Amino acid sequence: MTWTKRGAALALGALGVMAGSAYVVVAQAQEASASGEVRRLDTAAGKITIKHGEISELELPAMTLVYKIDPALLADIKPGDKVKFTAKRDGGDYVVIKISK
């Protein structure tokens, strides 16, 4: 095998490794349940701010995070409430899909 062919083989192998890595990212959990405290609501914008512990399934450390949420889910929720919620990753956003006190 000449150097050129060897270089091409190495490059193709590297592409295979990168493609395998991309698959691992896609295979990570996209939904998880957690509990936390509601800090702020923006019903008009469909957003809720929740202070929560680590959510390892979504690779989120303990933090206060703004989530998107369907405003219909906020009917009985107010700042200061302790809640249980299910969130999912939607592209680059996190969305609360279930919430209860």
N, C-alpha and C. Protein backbone atom coordinates (compact mmCIF):
# COMPACT_ATOMS: atom_id res chain seq x y z
N MET A 1 0.85 -1.16 0.00
CA MET A 1 0.00 0.00 0.00
C MET A 1 0.89 1.23 0.00
N THR A 2 0.64 2.17 -0.88
CA THR A 2 1.43 3.40 -0.93
C THR A 2 0.96 4.35 0.15
N TRP A 3 1.77 5.37 0.40
CA TRP A 3 1.44 6.35 1.44
C TRP A 3 0.10 7.03 1.16
N THR A 4 -0.19 7.34 -0.08
CA THR A 4 -1.44 8.00 -0.45
C THR A 4 -2.64 7.12 -0.12
N LYS A 5 -2.56 5.87 -0.50
CA LYS A 5 -3.67 4.96 -0.20
C LYS A 5 -3.81 4.76 1.30
N ARG A 6 -2.66 4.70 1.99
CA ARG A 6 -2.71 4.53 3.45
C ARG A 6 -3.36 5.74 4.10
N GLY A 7 -3.00 6.94 3.63
CA GLY A 7 -3.61 8.17 4.17
C GLY A 7 -5.11 8.19 3.93
N ALA A 8 -5.52 7.75 2.74
CA ALA A 8 -6.96 7.71 2.44
C ALA A 8 -7.66 6.71 3.35
N ALA A 9 -7.04 5.57 3.60
CA ALA A 9 -7.63 4.56 4.48
C ALA A 9 -7.76 5.09 5.90
N LEU A 10 -6.74 5.80 6.37
CA LEU A 10 -6.81 6.39 7.70
C LEU A 10 -7.91 7.44 7.79
N ALA A 11 -8.04 8.26 6.75
CA ALA A 11 -9.08 9.29 6.73
C ALA A 11 -10.47 8.66 6.77
N LEU A 12 -10.68 7.61 5.98
CA LEU A 12 -11.97 6.92 5.98
C LEU A 12 -12.25 6.29 7.35
N GLY A 13 -11.21 5.73 7.97
CA GLY A 13 -11.37 5.17 9.31
C GLY A 13 -11.76 6.24 10.31
N ALA A 14 -11.16 7.42 10.20
CA ALA A 14 -11.49 8.53 11.11
C ALA A 14 -12.94 8.96 10.91
N LEU A 15 -13.39 8.99 9.65
CA LEU A 15 -14.80 9.33 9.39
C LEU A 15 -15.73 8.32 10.04
N GLY A 16 -15.36 7.06 9.99
CA GLY A 16 -16.17 6.03 10.63
C GLY A 16 -16.26 6.23 12.13
N VAL A 17 -15.15 6.61 12.76
CA VAL A 17 -15.13 6.88 14.20
C VAL A 17 -16.02 8.08 14.51
N MET A 18 -15.92 9.14 13.71
CA MET A 18 -16.74 10.33 13.94
C MET A 18 -18.22 10.00 13.77
N ALA A 19 -18.54 9.21 12.76
CA ALA A 19 -19.94 8.83 12.56
C ALA A 19 -20.44 8.01 13.74
N GLY A 20 -19.60 7.12 14.27
CA GLY A 20 -19.97 6.34 15.44
C GLY A 20 -20.19 7.23 16.64
N SER A 21 -19.38 8.27 16.82
CA SER A 21 -19.54 9.21 17.92
C SER A 21 -20.84 9.97 17.80
N ALA A 22 -21.18 10.39 16.59
CA ALA A 22 -22.43 11.12 16.38
C ALA A 22 -23.61 10.23 16.75
N TYR A 23 -23.53 8.96 16.47
CA TYR A 23 -24.61 8.04 16.80
C TYR A 23 -24.79 7.96 18.31
N VAL A 24 -23.71 7.97 19.06
CA VAL A 24 -23.79 7.89 20.52
C VAL A 24 -24.54 9.09 21.05
N VAL A 25 -24.30 10.28 20.52
CA VAL A 25 -24.98 11.49 20.98
C VAL A 25 -26.48 11.35 20.74
N VAL A 26 -26.87 10.86 19.59
CA VAL A 26 -28.28 10.70 19.26
C VAL A 26 -28.94 9.67 20.17
N ALA A 27 -28.18 8.66 20.60
CA ALA A 27 -28.73 7.58 21.40
C ALA A 27 -28.95 7.96 22.86
N GLN A 28 -28.49 9.13 23.30
CA GLN A 28 -28.65 9.53 24.70
C GLN A 28 -30.12 9.80 25.00
N ALA A 29 -30.47 9.72 26.29
CA ALA A 29 -31.85 9.92 26.71
C ALA A 29 -32.36 11.28 26.25
N GLN A 30 -33.60 11.29 25.81
CA GLN A 30 -34.21 12.53 25.34
C GLN A 30 -35.33 13.00 26.27
N GLU A 31 -35.65 12.20 27.30
CA GLU A 31 -36.75 12.54 28.21
C GLU A 31 -36.41 12.02 29.60
N ALA A 32 -36.79 12.79 30.63
CA ALA A 32 -36.52 12.37 32.01
C ALA A 32 -37.48 13.06 32.96
N SER A 33 -37.68 12.44 34.12
CA SER A 33 -38.51 13.02 35.18
C SER A 33 -37.62 13.53 36.30
N ALA A 34 -38.08 14.61 36.95
CA ALA A 34 -37.31 15.23 38.03
C ALA A 34 -38.26 16.01 38.93
N SER A 35 -37.70 16.60 39.98
CA SER A 35 -38.48 17.47 40.86
C SER A 35 -37.70 18.75 41.06
N GLY A 36 -38.40 19.79 41.43
CA GLY A 36 -37.74 21.07 41.65
C GLY A 36 -38.70 22.11 42.19
N GLU A 37 -38.23 23.35 42.20
CA GLU A 37 -39.03 24.47 42.68
C GLU A 37 -39.21 25.48 41.57
N VAL A 38 -40.46 25.89 41.36
CA VAL A 38 -40.76 26.90 40.34
C VAL A 38 -40.25 28.25 40.83
N ARG A 39 -39.46 28.91 40.02
CA ARG A 39 -38.92 30.22 40.36
C ARG A 39 -39.66 31.35 39.64
N ARG A 40 -40.05 31.11 38.39
CA ARG A 40 -40.69 32.17 37.60
C ARG A 40 -41.55 31.53 36.52
N LEU A 41 -42.63 32.22 36.16
CA LEU A 41 -43.51 31.81 35.07
C LEU A 41 -43.62 32.95 34.07
N ASP A 42 -43.64 32.62 32.80
CA ASP A 42 -43.94 33.58 31.74
C ASP A 42 -44.95 32.88 30.84
N THR A 43 -46.21 32.94 31.26
CA THR A 43 -47.27 32.22 30.56
C THR A 43 -47.39 32.68 29.11
N ALA A 44 -47.31 33.99 28.88
CA ALA A 44 -47.45 34.52 27.53
C ALA A 44 -46.38 33.97 26.59
N ALA A 45 -45.18 33.78 27.09
CA ALA A 45 -44.07 33.27 26.27
C ALA A 45 -43.97 31.74 26.31
N GLY A 46 -44.78 31.09 27.16
CA GLY A 46 -44.72 29.64 27.28
C GLY A 46 -43.41 29.18 27.90
N LYS A 47 -43.01 29.85 29.01
CA LYS A 47 -41.75 29.50 29.67
C LYS A 47 -41.94 29.36 31.17
N ILE A 48 -41.16 28.46 31.77
CA ILE A 48 -41.16 28.26 33.21
C ILE A 48 -39.70 28.11 33.66
N THR A 49 -39.37 28.74 34.76
CA THR A 49 -38.02 28.62 35.32
C THR A 49 -38.10 27.71 36.53
N ILE A 50 -37.31 26.64 36.53
CA ILE A 50 -37.33 25.65 37.60
C ILE A 50 -35.92 25.46 38.14
N LYS A 51 -35.79 25.51 39.48
CA LYS A 51 -34.55 25.16 40.15
C LYS A 51 -34.64 23.67 40.49
N HIS A 52 -33.69 22.88 39.98
CA HIS A 52 -33.77 21.43 40.16
C HIS A 52 -32.39 20.84 40.44
N GLY A 53 -32.40 19.61 40.92
CA GLY A 53 -31.16 18.87 41.11
C GLY A 53 -30.67 18.33 39.78
N GLU A 54 -29.62 17.52 39.84
CA GLU A 54 -29.07 16.93 38.62
C GLU A 54 -30.11 16.05 37.92
N ILE A 55 -30.15 16.17 36.61
CA ILE A 55 -30.99 15.29 35.78
C ILE A 55 -30.01 14.58 34.85
N SER A 56 -29.47 13.47 35.32
CA SER A 56 -28.40 12.80 34.60
C SER A 56 -28.84 12.27 33.23
N GLU A 57 -30.10 11.86 33.11
CA GLU A 57 -30.58 11.34 31.82
C GLU A 57 -30.51 12.38 30.71
N LEU A 58 -30.63 13.65 31.08
CA LEU A 58 -30.53 14.73 30.10
C LEU A 58 -29.18 15.44 30.17
N GLU A 59 -28.28 14.89 30.98
CA GLU A 59 -26.94 15.47 31.18
C GLU A 59 -27.01 16.92 31.67
N LEU A 60 -27.93 17.18 32.61
CA LEU A 60 -28.07 18.51 33.20
C LEU A 60 -27.59 18.46 34.65
N PRO A 61 -26.66 19.33 35.01
CA PRO A 61 -26.27 19.41 36.42
C PRO A 61 -27.37 20.11 37.22
N ALA A 62 -27.25 20.12 38.54
CA ALA A 62 -28.18 20.88 39.37
C ALA A 62 -28.09 22.34 38.94
N MET A 63 -29.23 22.97 38.69
CA MET A 63 -29.23 24.35 38.19
C MET A 63 -30.62 24.93 38.22
N THR A 64 -30.71 26.19 37.87
CA THR A 64 -31.98 26.85 37.60
C THR A 64 -32.03 27.05 36.10
N LEU A 65 -33.07 26.52 35.46
CA LEU A 65 -33.13 26.52 34.00
C LEU A 65 -34.50 26.97 33.52
N VAL A 66 -34.51 27.70 32.42
CA VAL A 66 -35.76 28.11 31.78
C VAL A 66 -36.14 27.03 30.77
N TYR A 67 -37.33 26.49 30.95
CA TYR A 67 -37.87 25.48 30.06
C TYR A 67 -39.02 26.07 29.25
N LYS A 68 -39.23 25.55 28.06
CA LYS A 68 -40.45 25.85 27.32
C LYS A 68 -41.55 24.98 27.91
N ILE A 69 -42.79 25.47 27.84
CA ILE A 69 -43.92 24.70 28.36
C ILE A 69 -45.20 25.18 27.69
N ASP A 70 -46.13 24.26 27.48
CA ASP A 70 -47.45 24.62 26.98
C ASP A 70 -48.15 25.41 28.08
N PRO A 71 -48.58 26.64 27.80
CA PRO A 71 -49.23 27.45 28.84
C PRO A 71 -50.42 26.77 29.52
N ALA A 72 -51.09 25.84 28.84
CA ALA A 72 -52.22 25.12 29.43
C ALA A 72 -51.78 24.29 30.64
N LEU A 73 -50.51 23.89 30.70
CA LEU A 73 -50.01 23.10 31.83
C LEU A 73 -49.76 23.96 33.07
N LEU A 74 -49.82 25.28 32.93
CA LEU A 74 -49.48 26.18 34.03
C LEU A 74 -50.68 26.64 34.85
N ALA A 75 -51.87 26.10 34.59
CA ALA A 75 -53.09 26.57 35.23
C ALA A 75 -53.01 26.64 36.76
N ASP A 76 -52.46 25.62 37.41
CA ASP A 76 -52.42 25.59 38.87
C ASP A 76 -51.01 25.78 39.43
N ILE A 77 -50.09 26.22 38.62
CA ILE A 77 -48.69 26.35 39.03
C ILE A 77 -48.35 27.81 39.29
N LYS A 78 -47.58 28.04 40.37
CA LYS A 78 -47.16 29.41 40.68
C LYS A 78 -45.73 29.39 41.24
N PRO A 79 -45.04 30.52 41.20
CA PRO A 79 -43.69 30.58 41.76
C PRO A 79 -43.68 30.13 43.22
N GLY A 80 -42.68 29.35 43.58
CA GLY A 80 -42.55 28.82 44.94
C GLY A 80 -43.07 27.40 45.07
N ASP A 81 -43.88 26.94 44.11
CA ASP A 81 -44.41 25.58 44.17
C ASP A 81 -43.29 24.55 44.01
N LYS A 82 -43.37 23.49 44.81
CA LYS A 82 -42.51 22.32 44.63
C LYS A 82 -43.22 21.42 43.63
N VAL A 83 -42.54 21.05 42.55
CA VAL A 83 -43.19 20.31 41.48
C VAL A 83 -42.39 19.07 41.08
N LYS A 84 -43.12 18.13 40.48
CA LYS A 84 -42.52 16.99 39.79
C LYS A 84 -42.82 17.24 38.32
N PHE A 85 -41.83 17.01 37.47
CA PHE A 85 -42.04 17.30 36.05
C PHE A 85 -41.28 16.31 35.18
N THR A 86 -41.74 16.21 33.95
CA THR A 86 -41.04 15.43 32.93
C THR A 86 -40.63 16.42 31.85
N ALA A 87 -39.37 16.36 31.48
CA ALA A 87 -38.84 17.25 30.45
C ALA A 87 -38.22 16.43 29.34
N LYS A 88 -38.21 17.01 28.16
CA LYS A 88 -37.56 16.36 27.03
C LYS A 88 -36.64 17.36 26.34
N ARG A 89 -35.67 16.80 25.66
CA ARG A 89 -34.76 17.62 24.85
C ARG A 89 -35.37 17.69 23.46
N ASP A 90 -35.54 18.89 22.96
CA ASP A 90 -36.12 19.10 21.63
C ASP A 90 -35.16 19.99 20.86
N GLY A 91 -34.25 19.37 20.12
CA GLY A 91 -33.19 20.15 19.47
C GLY A 91 -32.31 20.74 20.55
N GLY A 92 -32.17 22.04 20.56
CA GLY A 92 -31.36 22.72 21.58
C GLY A 92 -32.17 23.22 22.76
N ASP A 93 -33.46 22.91 22.79
CA ASP A 93 -34.34 23.40 23.85
C ASP A 93 -34.73 22.27 24.79
N TYR A 94 -35.11 22.64 26.00
CA TYR A 94 -35.67 21.70 26.95
C TYR A 94 -37.12 22.10 27.15
N VAL A 95 -38.02 21.10 27.10
CA VAL A 95 -39.45 21.36 27.14
C VAL A 95 -40.08 20.51 28.24
N VAL A 96 -40.85 21.16 29.12
CA VAL A 96 -41.61 20.43 30.14
C VAL A 96 -42.86 19.91 29.47
N ILE A 97 -43.07 18.59 29.54
CA ILE A 97 -44.25 17.99 28.89
C ILE A 97 -45.29 17.51 29.90
N LYS A 98 -44.88 17.39 31.19
CA LYS A 98 -45.81 17.04 32.28
C LYS A 98 -45.32 17.79 33.52
N ILE A 99 -46.28 18.24 34.34
CA ILE A 99 -45.91 18.91 35.59
C ILE A 99 -47.04 18.77 36.60
N SER A 100 -46.68 18.55 37.86
CA SER A 100 -47.68 18.46 38.93
C SER A 100 -47.05 18.92 40.24
N LYS A 101 -47.92 19.32 41.17
CA LYS A 101 -47.45 19.75 42.50
C LYS A 101 -47.20 18.54 43.37
